[in-house]
C-alpha atoms as a PDB file:
ATOM      1  CA  PRO A   1       0.086   0.000  -0.265  1.00  0.00           C
ATOM      2  CA  ASP A   2       2.854   2.306   1.009  1.00  0.00           C
ATOM      3  CA  ALA A   3       3.800   2.308  -2.886  1.00  0.00           C
ATOM      4  CA  LEU A   4       0.307   3.572  -3.898  1.00  0.00           C
ATOM      5  CA  GLU A   5      -0.859   7.202  -4.244  1.00  0.00           C
ATOM      6  CA  SER A   6      -3.633   6.665  -2.325  1.00  0.00           C
ATOM      7  CA  GLU A   7      -4.106  10.336  -1.463  1.00  0.00           C
ATOM      8  CA  LEU A   8      -3.935  11.282  -5.038  1.00  0.00           C
ATOM      9  CA  LEU A   9      -6.753   8.801  -5.616  1.00  0.00           C
ATOM     10  CA  ALA A  10      -8.985   9.679  -2.827  1.00  0.00           C
ATOM     11  CA  ALA A  11      -8.189  13.706  -4.027  1.00  0.00           C
ATOM     12  CA  HIS A  12      -9.331  12.656  -7.737  1.00  0.00           C
ATOM     13  CA  VAL A  13     -12.619  10.463  -6.559  1.00  0.00           C
ATOM     14  CA  ARG A  14     -13.546  14.139  -4.542  1.00  0.00           C
ATOM     15  CA  GLU A  15     -13.124  15.451  -7.702  1.00  0.00           C
ATOM     16  CA  LEU A  16     -15.095  13.562  -9.730  1.00  0.00           C
ATOM     17  CA  LYS A  17     -17.993  13.400  -6.936  1.00  0.00           C
ATOM     18  CA  ALA A  18     -17.905  17.271  -7.468  1.00  0.00           C
ATOM     19  CA  GLY A  19     -18.143  17.404 -11.201  1.00  0.00           C
ATOM     20  CA  ARG A  20     -14.787  18.099 -12.293  1.00  0.00           C
ATOM     21  CA  PRO A  21     -12.049  16.126 -14.615  1.00  0.00           C
ATOM     22  CA  VAL A  22      -9.412  14.897 -13.366  1.00  0.00           C
ATOM     23  CA  GLU A  23      -5.855  14.263 -15.277  1.00  0.00           C
ATOM     24  CA  VAL A  24      -4.936  10.469 -14.209  1.00  0.00           C
ATOM     25  CA  PRO A  25      -1.172   9.446 -14.406  1.00  0.00           C
ATOM     26  CA  VAL A  26      -0.478   6.603 -16.905  1.00  0.00           C
ATOM     27  CA  TYR A  27       1.729   4.292 -15.264  1.00  0.00           C
ATOM     28  CA  ASP A  28       4.402   1.571 -17.228  1.00  0.00           C
ATOM     29  CA  PHE A  29       4.010  -1.672 -16.036  1.00  0.00           C
ATOM     30  CA  THR A  30       6.616  -3.117 -17.795  1.00  0.00           C
ATOM     31  CA  ARG A  31       9.252  -0.720 -16.535  1.00  0.00           C
ATOM     32  CA  HIS A  32       7.277   0.214 -13.175  1.00  0.00           C
ATOM     33  CA  VAL A  33       7.456   3.721 -13.317  1.00  0.00           C
ATOM     34  CA  ARG A  34       5.009   6.557 -14.399  1.00  0.00           C
ATOM     35  CA  THR A  35       5.312   7.749 -18.260  1.00  0.00           C
ATOM     36  CA  GLY A  36       4.969  11.400 -17.621  1.00  0.00           C
ATOM     37  CA  ALA A  37       2.002  11.192 -19.384  1.00  0.00           C
ATOM     38  CA  THR A  38      -1.784  11.352 -18.040  1.00  0.00           C
ATOM     39  CA  ARG A  39      -5.486  11.026 -19.444  1.00  0.00           C
ATOM     40  CA  THR A  40      -8.294  12.983 -18.629  1.00  0.00           C
ATOM     41  CA  VAL A  41     -11.205  11.128 -16.893  1.00  0.00           C
ATOM     42  CA  GLU A  42     -14.504  13.014 -16.905  1.00  0.00           C
ATOM     43  CA  SER A  43     -16.987  12.882 -14.241  1.00  0.00           C
ATOM     44  CA  ARG A  44     -20.330  10.753 -14.871  1.00  0.00           C
ATOM     45  CA  GLY A  45     -23.220   9.534 -12.295  1.00  0.00           C
ATOM     46  CA  VAL A  46     -21.510   6.497 -11.540  1.00  0.00           C
ATOM     47  CA  ILE A  47     -17.686   6.812 -10.904  1.00  0.00           C
ATOM     48  CA  LEU A  48     -16.198   3.060 -10.211  1.00  0.00           C
ATOM     49  CA  VAL A  49     -12.658   2.965  -8.633  1.00  0.00           C
ATOM     50  CA  GLU A  50     -11.574  -0.513  -8.775  1.00  0.00           C
ATOM     51  CA  GLY A  51      -7.767  -1.929  -7.197  1.00  0.00           C
ATOM     52  CA  ILE A  52      -6.894  -4.521  -4.885  1.00  0.00           C
ATOM     53  CA  LEU A  53      -5.950  -2.345  -2.353  1.00  0.00           C
ATOM     54  CA  ILE A  54      -8.522   0.243  -2.596  1.00  0.00           C
ATOM     55  CA  PHE A  55     -10.246  -0.761   0.947  1.00  0.00           C
ATOM     56  CA  VAL A  56      -6.513  -0.607   2.851  1.00  0.00           C
ATOM     57  CA  GLU A  57      -6.145   3.059   3.158  1.00  0.00           C
ATOM     58  CA  ARG A  58      -9.317   5.086   5.207  1.00  0.00           C
ATOM     59  CA  PRO A  59      -9.424   8.180   3.554  1.00  0.00           C
ATOM     60  CA  LEU A  60      -9.944   6.369   0.362  1.00  0.00           C
ATOM     61  CA  ARG A  61     -12.552   4.071   1.537  1.00  0.00           C
ATOM     62  CA  GLU A  62     -14.444   6.476   2.661  1.00  0.00           C
ATOM     63  CA  GLU A  63     -15.310   8.385  -0.382  1.00  0.00           C
ATOM     64  CA  PHE A  64     -17.109   5.385  -1.710  1.00  0.00           C
ATOM     65  CA  ASP A  65     -20.743   4.892  -1.552  1.00  0.00           C
ATOM     66  CA  ILE A  66     -20.527   1.217  -1.833  1.00  0.00           C
ATOM     67  CA  LYS A  67     -17.439  -0.786  -1.372  1.00  0.00           C
ATOM     68  CA  ILE A  68     -17.552  -4.030  -3.325  1.00  0.00           C
ATOM     69  CA  PHE A  69     -15.113  -6.864  -2.763  1.00  0.00           C
ATOM     70  CA  VAL A  70     -14.957  -9.535  -5.807  1.00  0.00           C
ATOM     71  CA  ASP A  71     -13.717 -12.775  -4.364  1.00  0.00           C
ATOM     72  CA  THR A  72     -12.081 -15.071  -6.916  1.00  0.00           C
ATOM     73  CA  ASP A  73      -9.859 -18.346  -6.202  1.00  0.00           C
ATOM     74  CA  ALA A  74      -6.309 -18.151  -6.090  1.00  0.00           C
ATOM     75  CA  ASP A  75      -5.658 -20.104  -8.891  1.00  0.00           C
ATOM     76  CA  LEU A  76      -7.848 -18.535 -11.066  1.00  0.00           C
ATOM     77  CA  ARG A  77      -6.282 -15.278 -10.390  1.00  0.00           C
ATOM     78  CA  PHE A  78      -3.097 -16.381 -11.108  1.00  0.00           C
ATOM     79  CA  ILE A  79      -3.788 -17.594 -13.982  1.00  0.00           C
ATOM     80  CA  ARG A  80      -5.456 -14.269 -15.348  1.00  0.00           C
ATOM     81  CA  ARG A  81      -2.268 -12.443 -13.935  1.00  0.00           C
ATOM     82  CA  LEU A  82       0.193 -14.602 -16.234  1.00  0.00           C
ATOM     83  CA  ARG A  83      -1.799 -14.350 -19.210  1.00  0.00           C
ATOM     84  CA  ARG A  84      -2.123 -10.798 -18.543  1.00  0.00           C
ATOM     85  CA  ASP A  85       1.637  -9.993 -17.699  1.00  0.00           C
ATOM     86  CA  ILE A  86       3.009 -12.092 -20.748  1.00  0.00           C
ATOM     87  CA  ALA A  87       0.505 -10.820 -23.437  1.00  0.00           C
ATOM     88  CA  GLU A  88       0.180  -7.098 -22.168  1.00  0.00           C
ATOM     89  CA  ARG A  89       3.320  -6.388 -20.070  1.00  0.00           C
ATOM     90  CA  GLY A  90       6.082  -8.488 -21.990  1.00  0.00           C
ATOM     91  CA  ARG A  91       6.982 -10.638 -19.174  1.00  0.00           C
ATOM     92  CA  THR A  92       8.135 -14.303 -19.223  1.00  0.00           C
ATOM     93  CA  VAL A  93       6.242 -16.987 -17.245  1.00  0.00           C
ATOM     94  CA  ASP A  94       9.395 -17.555 -15.130  1.00  0.00           C
ATOM     95  CA  ASN A  95       9.062 -13.801 -14.095  1.00  0.00           C
ATOM     96  CA  VAL A  96       5.654 -13.829 -13.448  1.00  0.00           C
ATOM     97  CA  VAL A  97       5.826 -17.210 -10.892  1.00  0.00           C
ATOM     98  CA  HIS A  98       8.968 -15.777  -9.317  1.00  0.00           C
ATOM     99  CA  GLN A  99       6.629 -12.042  -8.883  1.00  0.00           C
ATOM    100  CA  TYR A 100       3.852 -14.288  -8.061  1.00  0.00           C
ATOM    101  CA  LEU A 101       5.541 -15.932  -4.862  1.00  0.00           C
ATOM    102  CA  GLU A 102       7.826 -13.621  -3.910  1.00  0.00           C
ATOM    103  CA  THR A 103       5.827 -10.721  -3.675  1.00  0.00           C
ATOM    104  CA  VAL A 104       1.779 -10.987  -4.987  1.00  0.00           C
ATOM    105  CA  ARG A 105       1.031 -13.872  -2.918  1.00  0.00           C
ATOM    106  CA  PRO A 106       2.376 -12.966   0.743  1.00  0.00           C
ATOM    107  CA  MET A 107       1.121  -9.461  -0.479  1.00  0.00           C
ATOM    108  CA  HIS A 108      -2.214 -10.509  -0.954  1.00  0.00           C
ATOM    109  CA  LEU A 109      -2.376 -12.406   2.154  1.00  0.00           C
ATOM    110  CA  GLU A 110      -1.192  -9.188   4.346  1.00  0.00           C
ATOM    111  CA  PHE A 111      -2.922  -6.217   2.784  1.00  0.00           C
ATOM    112  CA  VAL A 112      -5.948  -7.432   0.204  1.00  0.00           C
ATOM    113  CA  GLU A 113      -7.393 -10.683   1.875  1.00  0.00           C
ATOM    114  CA  PRO A 114      -8.055  -8.785   5.378  1.00  0.00           C
ATOM    115  CA  SER A 115      -9.339  -5.666   3.399  1.00  0.00           C
ATOM    116  CA  LYS A 116     -12.487  -7.127   2.753  1.00  0.00           C
ATOM    117  CA  ARG A 117     -13.871  -6.787   5.921  1.00  0.00           C
ATOM    118  CA  TRP A 118     -14.576  -3.586   4.926  1.00  0.00           C
ATOM    119  CA  ALA A 119     -16.348  -4.197   2.194  1.00  0.00           C
ATOM    120  CA  ASP A 120     -20.079  -3.507   2.193  1.00  0.00           C
ATOM    121  CA  LEU A 121     -20.614  -6.584  -0.121  1.00  0.00           C
ATOM    122  CA  ILE A 122     -18.455  -9.900  -0.938  1.00  0.00           C
ATOM    123  CA  VAL A 123     -19.562 -11.062  -3.956  1.00  0.00           C
ATOM    124  CA  PRO A 124     -18.450 -14.992  -4.505  1.00  0.00           C
ATOM    125  CA  GLU A 125     -17.339 -16.519  -7.601  1.00  0.00           C
ATOM    126  CA  GLY A 126     -16.071 -13.415  -9.495  1.00  0.00           C
ATOM    127  CA  GLY A 127     -18.249 -11.866 -11.896  1.00  0.00           C
ATOM    128  CA  PHE A 128     -20.078 -15.051 -12.348  1.00  0.00           C
ATOM    129  CA  ASN A 129     -22.872 -14.775  -9.535  1.00  0.00           C
ATOM    130  CA  PRO A 130     -26.090 -12.992 -11.000  1.00  0.00           C
ATOM    131  CA  VAL A 131     -27.743 -12.597  -7.407  1.00  0.00           C
ATOM    132  CA  ALA A 132     -24.990 -10.449  -6.326  1.00  0.00           C
ATOM    133  CA  LEU A 133     -24.993  -8.772  -9.763  1.00  0.00           C
ATOM    134  CA  ASP A 134     -28.554  -7.717  -9.323  1.00  0.00           C
ATOM    135  CA  VAL A 135     -27.773  -6.774  -5.857  1.00  0.00           C
ATOM    136  CA  ILE A 136     -25.445  -4.582  -7.036  1.00  0.00           C
ATOM    137  CA  CYS A 137     -27.450  -2.853  -9.821  1.00  0.00           C
ATOM    138  CA  ALA A 138     -30.143  -2.212  -8.282  1.00  0.00           C
ATOM    139  CA  ARG A 139     -28.464  -0.358  -5.533  1.00  0.00           C
ATOM    140  CA  VAL A 140     -26.408   1.619  -8.356  1.00  0.00           C
ATOM    141  CA  GLU A 141     -29.724   2.342  -9.474  1.00  0.00           C
ATOM    142  CA  ALA A 142     -30.824   3.573  -6.012  1.00  0.00           C
ATOM    143  CA  LEU A 143     -27.731   5.654  -5.476  1.00  0.00           C
ATOM    144  CA  LEU A 144     -28.559   7.577  -9.214  1.00  0.00           C
ATOM    145  CA  GLN A 145     -31.985   8.146  -8.482  1.00  0.00           C
ATOM    146  CA  GLU A 146     -31.114   9.659  -5.155  1.00  0.00           C
ATOM    147  CA  GLY A 147     -28.370  11.725  -6.871  1.00  0.00           C
ATOM    148  CA  SER A 148     -31.051  12.936  -9.667  1.00  0.00           C
ATOM    149  CA  ARG A 149     -33.447  13.880  -6.501  1.00  0.00           C
ATOM    150  CA  ARG A 150     -30.444  16.427  -5.101  1.00  0.00           C
END
């Protein structure tokens, strides 16, 4: 979590909630650095913030109207990471496995897994849970209706 810019993300979420656009830094995952470029994100009626560590920092999680933890089996998470890192980030199988065993898995157990206690809703089976998806959609629609009345 210390490597993330949670304060910047919280500030961006506040700006978006206030109806203002933000300039989001672009990150190069191959070199593990910011590129120096930014991309503009416009405010919308619904602002989705996703990330594996977004519930760790209290000031950030306090910005969310609803906090959803999508729980997926470890083997599926690893397979998705392996495929993504090879296809999109130019990494080798050995590199991905090494990083997973040395960093990703221990950090998941220390920070990500415990952070689900802050979630309003924990969705098992990843995105393949139609009942949970119905609940989420109903809540988002209620928030949108509430916002349009203000």
